[in-house]
Structure formats: C-alpha cells, structure tokens
Amino acid sequence: MPVRNNIRSIRKERGIKQLQLAEDLQVTRQTLTAIENNKYNPSLELALKIVNYFNLPIQEIFILEEEKE
C-alpha cells in the first residue's frame, strides 16, 4: 500500500520555505524534496519529527492508500 503525504501543501499554507523546514528537521533539502514528491518515505523517526513540527495528527500528514484490486 503506497503512502502519500501532504507535507508540501501544509508547508505552503504555513508559509514555510522548503529549505527552512529541511534545516529545522535536520535533513537535506534534497531529502525533503524526495519526500514531498512521494519518491521516498521518511523513516519512522523523521515521520514523527514532521508530525511534531506541524503539530497535526499523523493521518492529516500521511495517507495510506488502499490498493485497487
């Protein structure tokens, strides 16, 4: 089951630059770009840092998509 995320839209709604978020989370901007583009899933530790950073429930940030049969 693929995992999507709403990090980019939440970040933009809050007026946070990608580089600022990457620095705050202690990752590279390239890593954050890959995560936002759903090309890479963050580690559990990084996912929890993102949830804490935005102070939102995890299901508002990460979405587990059901596979179609």
Protein backbone atom coordinates (compact mmCIF):
# COMPACT_ATOMS: atom_id res chain seq x y z
CA MET A 1 0.00 0.00 0.00
CA PRO A 2 1.58 3.27 -1.08
CA VAL A 3 1.91 6.13 1.38
CA ARG A 4 1.23 9.69 0.22
CA ASN A 5 1.80 12.84 2.22
CA ASN A 6 0.50 16.40 2.45
CA ILE A 7 3.77 17.94 3.61
CA ARG A 8 4.13 20.35 0.69
CA SER A 9 0.60 21.75 0.96
CA ILE A 10 0.81 22.09 4.76
CA ARG A 11 4.22 23.76 4.49
CA LYS A 12 2.97 26.22 1.85
CA GLU A 13 -0.21 27.01 3.83
CA ARG A 14 2.00 27.96 6.76
CA GLY A 15 4.42 29.97 4.64
CA ILE A 16 7.42 27.79 5.46
CA LYS A 17 10.19 27.59 2.87
CA GLN A 18 11.42 24.13 1.93
CA LEU A 19 14.99 24.95 2.99
CA GLN A 20 13.79 26.20 6.38
CA LEU A 21 11.80 23.03 7.03
CA ALA A 22 14.73 20.86 5.96
CA GLU A 23 17.06 22.71 8.32
CA ASP A 24 14.56 22.52 11.18
CA LEU A 25 14.21 18.76 10.65
CA GLN A 26 17.98 18.34 10.19
CA VAL A 27 17.73 16.78 6.72
CA THR A 28 18.89 17.98 3.32
CA ARG A 29 16.59 19.93 1.04
CA GLN A 30 17.01 17.11 -1.50
CA THR A 31 15.69 14.59 1.04
CA LEU A 32 12.70 16.80 1.78
CA THR A 33 12.03 17.26 -1.94
CA ALA A 34 12.02 13.48 -2.46
CA ILE A 35 9.63 13.01 0.47
CA GLU A 36 7.29 15.77 -0.72
CA ASN A 37 7.25 14.22 -4.21
CA ASN A 38 6.35 10.82 -2.73
CA LYS A 39 9.54 9.31 -4.15
CA TYR A 40 10.84 8.41 -0.71
CA ASN A 41 9.11 7.54 2.57
CA PRO A 42 10.71 9.05 5.64
CA SER A 43 11.99 6.87 8.45
CA LEU A 44 9.66 6.46 11.40
CA GLU A 45 11.83 8.86 13.38
CA LEU A 46 11.65 11.54 10.67
CA ALA A 47 7.91 11.00 10.17
CA LEU A 48 7.37 11.58 13.89
CA LYS A 49 9.55 14.72 13.76
CA ILE A 50 7.38 16.02 10.91
CA VAL A 51 4.19 15.27 12.86
CA ASN A 52 5.57 17.10 15.90
CA TYR A 53 6.82 20.00 13.78
CA PHE A 54 3.39 20.66 12.28
CA ASN A 55 1.55 19.68 15.48
CA LEU A 56 -1.06 17.75 13.49
CA PRO A 57 -2.43 14.20 13.74
CA ILE A 58 -0.36 11.80 11.67
CA GLN A 59 -3.35 10.94 9.44
CA GLU A 60 -3.55 14.59 8.31
CA ILE A 61 0.03 14.43 7.05
CA PHE A 62 0.46 10.84 5.86
CA ILE A 63 -2.17 8.88 3.93
CA LEU A 64 -2.05 5.13 3.40
CA GLU A 65 -3.68 4.44 0.05
CA GLU A 66 -5.64 1.27 -0.43
CA GLU A 67 -4.50 -0.78 -3.38
CA LYS A 68 -7.13 -1.39 -6.04
CA GLU A 69 -7.78 -4.99 -6.97
